[in-house]
Amino acid sequence: MAIEISNAIHAMAVVSTDNANPIFVGQGNVGFAPFGNGPNFSERLGVGRYRLHMLAPISIVTPTPIAGRGEGMIIAEALANAIAPSLSFLAAPASRVVVSVAGVSDILVEALTSTGAAFAGSTNYTEVVEDVTILPGAFTDLLTVPITFAPNGSGRLEVLATASAQASLSGSRVEFQLTLDGTPMGPGASNGASFTVDADDGKGSIAIAKRVLGVGSGSHTVKLRWRVVNIESSASILVSTGFEHASLRVSEESIVQGEVNDNVAFQVLVLRFPQQSTVG
């Protein structure tokens, strides 16, 4: 009597792109359907994203009675820079592929290229916590948020300001303005928001979202400022005796470690786990 154990290659392929059209390279396609359209073909789903359709189904998920039998495994890796392989060790960014399964016949592949070290930008927040009232005049500070940009950061600033307020006289206009290091956040006059109160309730609300590019490293200050326009009026934000608010959130946009890329060639190998049988 003999025991035979076999470990079969269930499917394998080397995939590249030609003008954004995916191709199987050389004779490197075994067990995968050709590229085309529809569920019975392999497909490019988007930039750097592919669905490889296996001609014979196989359960690759965790072996449980509910999820599947766990018959095989997937090995996938990005290949060297296909455009200039001799220089890839000098200048080419690092690439990788991420794989997952969709049912028993499809493998989903995402090809990524590193854009540098991942960076989580800093965030700061404040809000009005006590009732505040102003009289007519120039813009005055309502909320102030300091933020520090790191030298290796994205340099992209995102700001969200919201407020609800009231004015004492009908027809009064309440204006809000965002500034970065003392300069209104434009372009032009598009750095703020306002509302004019009516005779019914004398209240209104605003929201301002801004994104500023090219902010240098170091310490910066973002302010939400406000004023009331009517010589005999006043404006208030009542958080304890009323039902109003004002908030200011400031953050530096994070840097994602990788982005999807069509120019990453990769290889995929699907192995069927050893099948044991008794001979003789």
C-alpha atoms as a PDB file:
ATOM      1  CA  MET A   1       0.000   0.000   0.000  1.00  0.00           C
ATOM      2  CA  ALA A   2       1.287   3.495  -0.835  1.00  0.00           C
ATOM      3  CA  ILE A   3       0.047   6.973   0.066  1.00  0.00           C
ATOM      4  CA  GLU A   4       0.130   9.524  -2.760  1.00  0.00           C
ATOM      5  CA  ILE A   5       0.072  13.260  -2.019  1.00  0.00           C
ATOM      6  CA  SER A   6      -0.312  15.748  -4.869  1.00  0.00           C
ATOM      7  CA  ASN A   7      -0.066  19.537  -4.780  1.00  0.00           C
ATOM      8  CA  ALA A   8      -1.511  20.841  -8.043  1.00  0.00           C
ATOM      9  CA  ILE A   9      -1.190  24.285  -9.606  1.00  0.00           C
ATOM     10  CA  HIS A  10      -4.829  25.224  -9.990  1.00  0.00           C
ATOM     11  CA  ALA A  11      -4.263  28.502 -11.886  1.00  0.00           C
ATOM     12  CA  MET A  12      -1.420  30.867 -12.636  1.00  0.00           C
ATOM     13  CA  ALA A  13      -0.937  34.025 -14.656  1.00  0.00           C
ATOM     14  CA  VAL A  14       1.344  36.973 -15.319  1.00  0.00           C
ATOM     15  CA  VAL A  15      -0.677  40.139 -15.991  1.00  0.00           C
ATOM     16  CA  SER A  16       0.448  43.435 -17.485  1.00  0.00           C
ATOM     17  CA  THR A  17      -1.287  46.301 -19.298  1.00  0.00           C
ATOM     18  CA  ASP A  18      -1.038  47.680 -22.801  1.00  0.00           C
ATOM     19  CA  ASN A  19      -2.572  51.152 -23.090  1.00  0.00           C
ATOM     20  CA  ALA A  20      -4.773  50.343 -20.068  1.00  0.00           C
ATOM     21  CA  ASN A  21      -5.857  47.031 -21.650  1.00  0.00           C
ATOM     22  CA  PRO A  22      -4.909  44.055 -19.474  1.00  0.00           C
ATOM     23  CA  ILE A  23      -3.065  41.173 -21.100  1.00  0.00           C
ATOM     24  CA  PHE A  24      -1.723  37.808 -20.013  1.00  0.00           C
ATOM     25  CA  VAL A  25       2.015  37.913 -20.661  1.00  0.00           C
ATOM     26  CA  GLY A  26       3.543  35.173 -22.826  1.00  0.00           C
ATOM     27  CA  GLN A  27       2.398  31.659 -22.007  1.00  0.00           C
ATOM     28  CA  GLY A  28       1.895  32.535 -18.359  1.00  0.00           C
ATOM     29  CA  ASN A  29      -1.866  31.951 -18.229  1.00  0.00           C
ATOM     30  CA  VAL A  30      -3.096  28.640 -16.850  1.00  0.00           C
ATOM     31  CA  GLY A  31      -6.596  28.142 -15.474  1.00  0.00           C
ATOM     32  CA  PHE A  32      -7.838  31.725 -15.931  1.00  0.00           C
ATOM     33  CA  ALA A  33     -10.414  32.885 -18.474  1.00  0.00           C
ATOM     34  CA  PRO A  34      -9.170  35.375 -21.096  1.00  0.00           C
ATOM     35  CA  PHE A  35      -9.817  39.073 -20.629  1.00  0.00           C
ATOM     36  CA  GLY A  36     -13.154  40.226 -21.970  1.00  0.00           C
ATOM     37  CA  ASN A  37     -16.526  41.479 -20.762  1.00  0.00           C
ATOM     38  CA  GLY A  38     -18.954  39.600 -18.578  1.00  0.00           C
ATOM     39  CA  PRO A  39     -18.890  37.175 -15.656  1.00  0.00           C
ATOM     40  CA  ASN A  40     -17.326  34.345 -17.667  1.00  0.00           C
ATOM     41  CA  PHE A  41     -14.249  36.414 -18.578  1.00  0.00           C
ATOM     42  CA  SER A  42     -11.465  38.058 -16.601  1.00  0.00           C
ATOM     43  CA  GLU A  43     -11.968  41.836 -16.490  1.00  0.00           C
ATOM     44  CA  ARG A  44     -10.247  45.121 -15.734  1.00  0.00           C
ATOM     45  CA  LEU A  45     -12.598  46.773 -13.223  1.00  0.00           C
ATOM     46  CA  GLY A  46     -10.824  50.113 -13.098  1.00  0.00           C
ATOM     47  CA  VAL A  47      -7.393  51.695 -12.763  1.00  0.00           C
ATOM     48  CA  GLY A  48      -5.134  49.066 -11.212  1.00  0.00           C
ATOM     49  CA  ARG A  49      -8.085  46.796 -10.336  1.00  0.00           C
ATOM     50  CA  TYR A  50      -8.786  43.416 -11.915  1.00  0.00           C
ATOM     51  CA  ARG A  51     -11.098  40.426 -11.575  1.00  0.00           C
ATOM     52  CA  LEU A  52      -9.451  37.167 -12.608  1.00  0.00           C
ATOM     53  CA  HIS A  53     -12.008  34.464 -13.402  1.00  0.00           C
ATOM     54  CA  MET A  54     -10.923  30.873 -12.770  1.00  0.00           C
ATOM     55  CA  LEU A  55     -12.118  28.297 -15.280  1.00  0.00           C
ATOM     56  CA  ALA A  56     -12.634  25.755 -12.497  1.00  0.00           C
ATOM     57  CA  PRO A  57     -14.086  26.893  -9.151  1.00  0.00           C
ATOM     58  CA  ILE A  58     -12.162  26.334  -5.939  1.00  0.00           C
ATOM     59  CA  SER A  59     -12.947  27.274  -2.344  1.00  0.00           C
ATOM     60  CA  ILE A  60     -10.149  29.472  -0.977  1.00  0.00           C
ATOM     61  CA  VAL A  61     -11.955  30.889   2.057  1.00  0.00           C
ATOM     62  CA  THR A  62     -11.479  29.699   5.636  1.00  0.00           C
ATOM     63  CA  PRO A  63     -12.477  26.037   5.921  1.00  0.00           C
ATOM     64  CA  THR A  64     -15.746  26.021   7.855  1.00  0.00           C
ATOM     65  CA  PRO A  65     -18.998  24.231   7.119  1.00  0.00           C
ATOM     66  CA  ILE A  66     -20.640  27.574   6.412  1.00  0.00           C
ATOM     67  CA  ALA A  67     -17.940  29.578   4.618  1.00  0.00           C
ATOM     68  CA  GLY A  68     -16.291  26.902   2.474  1.00  0.00           C
ATOM     69  CA  ARG A  69     -13.946  23.966   2.261  1.00  0.00           C
ATOM     70  CA  GLY A  70     -10.650  25.836   2.202  1.00  0.00           C
ATOM     71  CA  GLU A  71      -9.208  23.843  -0.694  1.00  0.00           C
ATOM     72  CA  GLY A  72      -6.494  26.225  -1.833  1.00  0.00           C
ATOM     73  CA  MET A  73      -4.404  29.356  -1.395  1.00  0.00           C
ATOM     74  CA  ILE A  74      -3.345  32.382  -3.457  1.00  0.00           C
ATOM     75  CA  ILE A  75       0.185  33.739  -3.872  1.00  0.00           C
ATOM     76  CA  ALA A  76       0.508  37.107  -5.609  1.00  0.00           C
ATOM     77  CA  GLU A  77       3.319  39.620  -6.031  1.00  0.00           C
ATOM     78  CA  ALA A  78       4.184  42.694  -8.039  1.00  0.00           C
ATOM     79  CA  LEU A  79       6.914  42.317 -10.651  1.00  0.00           C
ATOM     80  CA  ALA A  80       9.864  44.587 -11.385  1.00  0.00           C
ATOM     81  CA  ASN A  81       9.374  47.787 -13.328  1.00  0.00           C
ATOM     82  CA  ALA A  82       8.481  46.578 -16.815  1.00  0.00           C
ATOM     83  CA  ILE A  83       9.388  49.889 -18.470  1.00  0.00           C
ATOM     84  CA  ALA A  84      12.961  50.227 -17.192  1.00  0.00           C
ATOM     85  CA  PRO A  85      13.851  47.104 -15.194  1.00  0.00           C
ATOM     86  CA  SER A  86      17.545  47.923 -15.154  1.00  0.00           C
ATOM     87  CA  LEU A  87      16.819  51.176 -13.317  1.00  0.00           C
ATOM     88  CA  SER A  88      14.032  49.957 -11.066  1.00  0.00           C
ATOM     89  CA  PHE A  89      16.343  49.474  -8.108  1.00  0.00           C
ATOM     90  CA  LEU A  90      17.412  53.125  -8.390  1.00  0.00           C
ATOM     91  CA  ALA A  91      14.285  55.154  -8.987  1.00  0.00           C
ATOM     92  CA  ALA A  92      11.135  53.053  -9.248  1.00  0.00           C
ATOM     93  CA  PRO A  93       8.668  53.392  -6.371  1.00  0.00           C
ATOM     94  CA  ALA A  94       7.790  50.270  -4.442  1.00  0.00           C
ATOM     95  CA  SER A  95       4.795  48.334  -5.750  1.00  0.00           C
ATOM     96  CA  ARG A  96       2.570  45.659  -4.259  1.00  0.00           C
ATOM     97  CA  VAL A  97      -0.650  43.820  -4.991  1.00  0.00           C
ATOM     98  CA  VAL A  98      -3.568  43.058  -2.719  1.00  0.00           C
ATOM     99  CA  VAL A  99      -5.816  40.082  -3.428  1.00  0.00           C
ATOM    100  CA  SER A 100      -9.198  38.908  -2.184  1.00  0.00           C
ATOM    101  CA  VAL A 101     -11.744  36.358  -3.338  1.00  0.00           C
ATOM    102  CA  ALA A 102     -15.277  36.796  -4.647  1.00  0.00           C
ATOM    103  CA  GLY A 103     -17.073  33.481  -4.553  1.00  0.00           C
ATOM    104  CA  VAL A 104     -15.421  30.287  -5.760  1.00  0.00           C
ATOM    105  CA  SER A 105     -14.460  31.437  -9.269  1.00  0.00           C
ATOM    106  CA  ASP A 106     -13.129  34.993  -9.013  1.00  0.00           C
ATOM    107  CA  ILE A 107      -9.997  36.592  -7.578  1.00  0.00           C
ATOM    108  CA  LEU A 108      -9.929  40.376  -7.099  1.00  0.00           C
ATOM    109  CA  VAL A 109      -6.538  42.050  -7.513  1.00  0.00           C
ATOM    110  CA  GLU A 110      -5.550  45.647  -6.722  1.00  0.00           C
ATOM    111  CA  ALA A 111      -2.127  46.901  -7.856  1.00  0.00           C
ATOM    112  CA  LEU A 112      -0.617  49.699  -5.761  1.00  0.00           C
ATOM    113  CA  THR A 113       2.414  51.963  -6.092  1.00  0.00           C
ATOM    114  CA  SER A 114       3.905  53.642  -3.054  1.00  0.00           C
ATOM    115  CA  THR A 115       3.706  57.435  -2.995  1.00  0.00           C
ATOM    116  CA  GLY A 116       6.094  57.717  -0.057  1.00  0.00           C
ATOM    117  CA  ALA A 117       5.754  57.032   3.625  1.00  0.00           C
ATOM    118  CA  ALA A 118       2.226  57.146   4.980  1.00  0.00           C
ATOM    119  CA  PHE A 119       1.508  60.301   6.972  1.00  0.00           C
ATOM    120  CA  ALA A 120      -1.400  61.015   9.294  1.00  0.00           C
ATOM    121  CA  GLY A 121      -2.014  64.748   9.354  1.00  0.00           C
ATOM    122  CA  SER A 122      -2.719  66.550  12.612  1.00  0.00           C
ATOM    123  CA  THR A 123      -6.215  67.726  13.560  1.00  0.00           C
ATOM    124  CA  ASN A 124      -7.467  70.351  15.973  1.00  0.00           C
ATOM    125  CA  TYR A 125     -10.953  71.458  16.978  1.00  0.00           C
ATOM    126  CA  THR A 126     -12.719  74.016  19.106  1.00  0.00           C
ATOM    127  CA  GLU A 127     -16.255  75.272  19.712  1.00  0.00           C
ATOM    128  CA  VAL A 128     -18.151  77.999  21.516  1.00  0.00           C
ATOM    129  CA  VAL A 129     -18.894  76.823  25.046  1.00  0.00           C
ATOM    130  CA  GLU A 130     -20.312  80.034  26.572  1.00  0.00           C
ATOM    131  CA  ASP A 131     -22.866  82.593  25.368  1.00  0.00           C
ATOM    132  CA  VAL A 132     -21.245  85.348  23.330  1.00  0.00           C
ATOM    133  CA  THR A 133     -22.612  88.667  21.997  1.00  0.00           C
ATOM    134  CA  ILE A 134     -21.103  91.337  19.739  1.00  0.00           C
ATOM    135  CA  LEU A 135     -22.070  94.872  18.759  1.00  0.00           C
ATOM    136  CA  PRO A 136     -21.737  96.406  15.271  1.00  0.00           C
ATOM    137  CA  GLY A 137     -18.174  96.967  14.107  1.00  0.00           C
ATOM    138  CA  ALA A 138     -15.260  95.261  12.351  1.00  0.00           C
ATOM    139  CA  PHE A 139     -14.733  91.528  12.239  1.00  0.00           C
ATOM    140  CA  THR A 140     -13.836  90.086  15.630  1.00  0.00           C
ATOM    141  CA  ASP A 141     -12.393  86.679  16.509  1.00  0.00           C
ATOM    142  CA  LEU A 142     -14.933  84.011  17.387  1.00  0.00           C
ATOM    143  CA  LEU A 143     -12.888  80.787  17.340  1.00  0.00           C
ATOM    144  CA  THR A 144      -9.133  80.196  17.026  1.00  0.00           C
ATOM    145  CA  VAL A 145      -7.418  76.896  16.170  1.00  0.00           C
ATOM    146  CA  PRO A 146      -3.614  76.475  16.057  1.00  0.00           C
ATOM    147  CA  ILE A 147      -2.157  73.678  13.933  1.00  0.00           C
ATOM    148  CA  THR A 148       1.411  72.556  13.195  1.00  0.00           C
ATOM    149  CA  PHE A 149       2.400  71.106   9.809  1.00  0.00           C
ATOM    150  CA  ALA A 150       5.259  68.613   9.765  1.00  0.00           C
ATOM    151  CA  PRO A 151       8.113  68.981   7.202  1.00  0.00           C
ATOM    152  CA  ASN A 152       7.141  65.668   5.548  1.00  0.00           C
ATOM    153  CA  GLY A 153       3.413  66.403   5.507  1.00  0.00           C
ATOM    154  CA  SER A 154       0.992  66.858   2.662  1.00  0.00           C
ATOM    155  CA  GLY A 155       0.793  70.654   2.918  1.00  0.00           C
ATOM    156  CA  ARG A 156      -2.965  70.460   2.309  1.00  0.00           C
ATOM    157  CA  LEU A 157      -5.208  72.201   4.828  1.00  0.00           C
ATOM    158  CA  GLU A 158      -8.884  71.340   5.298  1.00  0.00           C
ATOM    159  CA  VAL A 159     -11.201  73.569   7.325  1.00  0.00           C
ATOM    160  CA  LEU A 160     -14.846  73.156   8.334  1.00  0.00           C
ATOM    161  CA  ALA A 161     -16.653  75.909  10.208  1.00  0.00           C
ATOM    162  CA  THR A 162     -20.301  75.881  11.277  1.00  0.00           C
ATOM    163  CA  ALA A 163     -22.354  78.327  13.281  1.00  0.00           C
ATOM    164  CA  SER A 164     -25.887  79.326  14.202  1.00  0.00           C
ATOM    165  CA  ALA A 165     -26.625  82.756  15.638  1.00  0.00           C
ATOM    166  CA  GLN A 166     -29.256  85.428  16.099  1.00  0.00           C
ATOM    167  CA  ALA A 167     -29.495  89.189  15.683  1.00  0.00           C
ATOM    168  CA  SER A 168     -31.578  91.598  17.734  1.00  0.00           C
ATOM    169  CA  LEU A 169     -33.118  93.555  14.825  1.00  0.00           C
ATOM    170  CA  SER A 170     -34.908  92.338  11.718  1.00  0.00           C
ATOM    171  CA  GLY A 171     -32.917  92.963   8.543  1.00  0.00           C
ATOM    172  CA  SER A 172     -29.558  92.726  10.283  1.00  0.00           C
ATOM    173  CA  ARG A 173     -26.868  90.752   8.492  1.00  0.00           C
ATOM    174  CA  VAL A 174     -24.482  88.495  10.402  1.00  0.00           C
ATOM    175  CA  GLU A 175     -21.244  87.734   8.555  1.00  0.00           C
ATOM    176  CA  PHE A 176     -18.583  85.078   9.163  1.00  0.00           C
ATOM    177  CA  GLN A 177     -15.049  84.900   7.776  1.00  0.00           C
ATOM    178  CA  LEU A 178     -12.185  82.367   7.824  1.00  0.00           C
ATOM    179  CA  THR A 179      -8.551  83.481   8.014  1.00  0.00           C
ATOM    180  CA  LEU A 180      -5.245  81.615   7.806  1.00  0.00           C
ATOM    181  CA  ASP A 181      -2.398  83.356   9.618  1.00  0.00           C
ATOM    182  CA  GLY A 182      -4.356  86.609   9.469  1.00  0.00           C
ATOM    183  CA  THR A 183      -5.223  86.463   5.763  1.00  0.00           C
ATOM    184  CA  PRO A 184      -8.795  85.775   4.598  1.00  0.00           C
ATOM    185  CA  MET A 185      -9.063  82.388   2.944  1.00  0.00           C
ATOM    186  CA  GLY A 186     -10.103  83.228  -0.611  1.00  0.00           C
ATOM    187  CA  PRO A 187     -10.042  83.224  -3.497  1.00  0.00           C
ATOM    188  CA  GLY A 188     -11.313  86.744  -3.629  1.00  0.00           C
ATOM    189  CA  ALA A 189     -14.368  87.389  -1.517  1.00  0.00           C
ATOM    190  CA  SER A 190     -15.264  83.697  -1.291  1.00  0.00           C
ATOM    191  CA  ASN A 191     -13.832  83.341   2.183  1.00  0.00           C
ATOM    192  CA  GLY A 192     -16.957  83.584   4.286  1.00  0.00           C
ATOM    193  CA  ALA A 193     -20.698  83.271   4.616  1.00  0.00           C
ATOM    194  CA  SER A 194     -23.568  85.372   5.943  1.00  0.00           C
ATOM    195  CA  PHE A 195     -27.278  85.450   6.620  1.00  0.00           C
ATOM    196  CA  THR A 196     -29.843  88.192   7.098  1.00  0.00           C
ATOM    197  CA  VAL A 197     -32.371  87.734   9.888  1.00  0.00           C
ATOM    198  CA  ASP A 198     -36.090  88.280   9.393  1.00  0.00           C
ATOM    199  CA  ALA A 199     -38.844  89.426  11.730  1.00  0.00           C
ATOM    200  CA  ASP A 200     -40.060  85.919  12.597  1.00  0.00           C
ATOM    201  CA  ASP A 201     -37.233  84.469  14.679  1.00  0.00           C
ATOM    202  CA  GLY A 202     -34.123  86.601  14.030  1.00  0.00           C
ATOM    203  CA  LYS A 203     -31.919  83.522  13.590  1.00  0.00           C
ATOM    204  CA  GLY A 204     -29.793  81.902  10.894  1.00  0.00           C
ATOM    205  CA  SER A 205     -26.955  79.441  10.341  1.00  0.00           C
ATOM    206  CA  ILE A 206     -23.909  79.000   8.091  1.00  0.00           C
ATOM    207  CA  ALA A 207     -21.312  76.397   7.110  1.00  0.00           C
ATOM    208  CA  ILE A 208     -17.958  77.027   5.403  1.00  0.00           C
ATOM    209  CA  ALA A 209     -15.673  74.310   3.995  1.00  0.00           C
ATOM    210  CA  LYS A 210     -12.234  75.263   2.672  1.00  0.00           C
ATOM    211  CA  ARG A 211      -9.223  73.403   1.240  1.00  0.00           C
ATOM    212  CA  VAL A 212      -5.895  75.208   0.927  1.00  0.00           C
ATOM    213  CA  LEU A 213      -2.906  73.735  -0.937  1.00  0.00           C
ATOM    214  CA  GLY A 214       0.791  74.366  -0.436  1.00  0.00           C
ATOM    215  CA  VAL A 215       0.728  75.284   3.243  1.00  0.00           C
ATOM    216  CA  GLY A 216       4.307  75.328   4.539  1.00  0.00           C
ATOM    217  CA  SER A 217       5.613  73.343   7.483  1.00  0.00           C
ATOM    218  CA  GLY A 218       5.528  74.921  10.932  1.00  0.00           C
ATOM    219  CA  SER A 219       2.893  76.558  13.114  1.00  0.00           C
ATOM    220  CA  HIS A 220      -0.250  78.126  11.649  1.00  0.00           C
ATOM    221  CA  THR A 221      -3.426  79.692  13.004  1.00  0.00           C
ATOM    222  CA  VAL A 222      -6.926  79.423  11.587  1.00  0.00           C
ATOM    223  CA  LYS A 223      -9.657  81.737  12.845  1.00  0.00           C
ATOM    224  CA  LEU A 224     -13.406  81.995  12.419  1.00  0.00           C
ATOM    225  CA  ARG A 225     -14.353  85.684  12.742  1.00  0.00           C
ATOM    226  CA  TRP A 226     -17.751  87.385  12.736  1.00  0.00           C
ATOM    227  CA  ARG A 227     -19.555  90.722  12.764  1.00  0.00           C
ATOM    228  CA  VAL A 228     -23.083  92.135  12.680  1.00  0.00           C
ATOM    229  CA  VAL A 229     -24.017  94.756  10.088  1.00  0.00           C
ATOM    230  CA  ASN A 230     -26.677  97.161  11.404  1.00  0.00           C
ATOM    231  CA  ILE A 231     -25.747 100.127  13.504  1.00  0.00           C
ATOM    232  CA  GLU A 232     -28.427  99.498  16.150  1.00  0.00           C
ATOM    233  CA  SER A 233     -28.274  95.712  16.255  1.00  0.00           C
ATOM    234  CA  SER A 234     -26.335  93.056  18.117  1.00  0.00           C
ATOM    235  CA  ALA A 235     -25.573  89.411  17.345  1.00  0.00           C
ATOM    236  CA  SER A 236     -25.434  86.500  19.766  1.00  0.00           C
ATOM    237  CA  ILE A 237     -24.568  82.818  19.897  1.00  0.00           C
ATOM    238  CA  LEU A 238     -26.415  81.358  22.860  1.00  0.00           C
ATOM    239  CA  VAL A 239     -25.211  77.872  23.771  1.00  0.00           C
ATOM    240  CA  SER A 240     -26.430  77.794  27.374  1.00  0.00           C
ATOM    241  CA  THR A 241     -29.544  79.987  27.340  1.00  0.00           C
ATOM    242  CA  GLY A 242     -30.434  79.271  23.700  1.00  0.00           C
ATOM    243  CA  PHE A 243     -30.183  76.538  21.077  1.00  0.00           C
ATOM    244  CA  GLU A 244     -27.187  77.650  18.997  1.00  0.00           C
ATOM    245  CA  HIS A 245     -23.577  76.711  18.355  1.00  0.00           C
ATOM    246  CA  ALA A 246     -20.307  77.506  16.570  1.00  0.00           C
ATOM    247  CA  SER A 247     -17.486  75.084  15.787  1.00  0.00           C
ATOM    248  CA  LEU A 248     -14.183  75.058  13.910  1.00  0.00           C
ATOM    249  CA  ARG A 249     -12.315  71.930  12.788  1.00  0.00           C
ATOM    250  CA  VAL A 250      -8.887  72.203  11.147  1.00  0.00           C
ATOM    251  CA  SER A 251      -6.801  69.317   9.802  1.00  0.00           C
ATOM    252  CA  GLU A 252      -3.867  68.544   7.545  1.00  0.00           C
ATOM    253  CA  GLU A 253      -4.800  66.024   4.880  1.00  0.00           C
ATOM    254  CA  SER A 254      -3.181  62.620   5.333  1.00  0.00           C
ATOM    255  CA  ILE A 255      -0.885  60.965   2.808  1.00  0.00           C
ATOM    256  CA  VAL A 256      -1.960  57.498   1.723  1.00  0.00           C
ATOM    257  CA  GLN A 257       0.880  55.012   1.421  1.00  0.00           C
ATOM    258  CA  GLY A 258      -0.110  53.677  -1.980  1.00  0.00           C
ATOM    259  CA  GLU A 259      -2.293  54.536  -4.935  1.00  0.00           C
ATOM    260  CA  VAL A 260      -3.778  52.225  -7.546  1.00  0.00           C
ATOM    261  CA  ASN A 261      -1.670  52.035 -10.664  1.00  0.00           C
ATOM    262  CA  ASP A 262      -2.194  50.461 -14.085  1.00  0.00           C
ATOM    263  CA  ASN A 263       1.561  50.242 -14.694  1.00  0.00           C
ATOM    264  CA  VAL A 264       2.213  47.473 -12.187  1.00  0.00           C
ATOM    265  CA  ALA A 265       2.695  44.011 -13.677  1.00  0.00           C
ATOM    266  CA  PHE A 266       1.957  41.149 -11.299  1.00  0.00           C
ATOM    267  CA  GLN A 267       1.811  37.392 -11.084  1.00  0.00           C
ATOM    268  CA  VAL A 268      -0.821  35.257  -9.390  1.00  0.00           C
ATOM    269  CA  LEU A 269      -0.517  31.599  -8.404  1.00  0.00           C
ATOM    270  CA  VAL A 270      -3.432  29.540  -7.079  1.00  0.00           C
ATOM    271  CA  LEU A 271      -2.445  26.279  -5.394  1.00  0.00           C
ATOM    272  CA  ARG A 272      -4.775  23.455  -4.491  1.00  0.00           C
ATOM    273  CA  PHE A 273      -3.935  21.982  -1.103  1.00  0.00           C
ATOM    274  CA  PRO A 274      -2.374  18.475  -1.056  1.00  0.00           C
ATOM    275  CA  GLN A 275      -4.874  15.730  -1.804  1.00  0.00           C
ATOM    276  CA  GLN A 276      -4.065  12.462  -0.110  1.00  0.00           C
ATOM    277  CA  SER A 277      -5.073   9.147  -1.603  1.00  0.00           C
ATOM    278  CA  THR A 278      -4.251   5.498  -0.919  1.00  0.00           C
ATOM    279  CA  VAL A 279      -2.840   3.419  -3.779  1.00  0.00           C
ATOM    280  CA  GLY A 280      -2.671  -0.413  -3.851  1.00  0.00           C
END
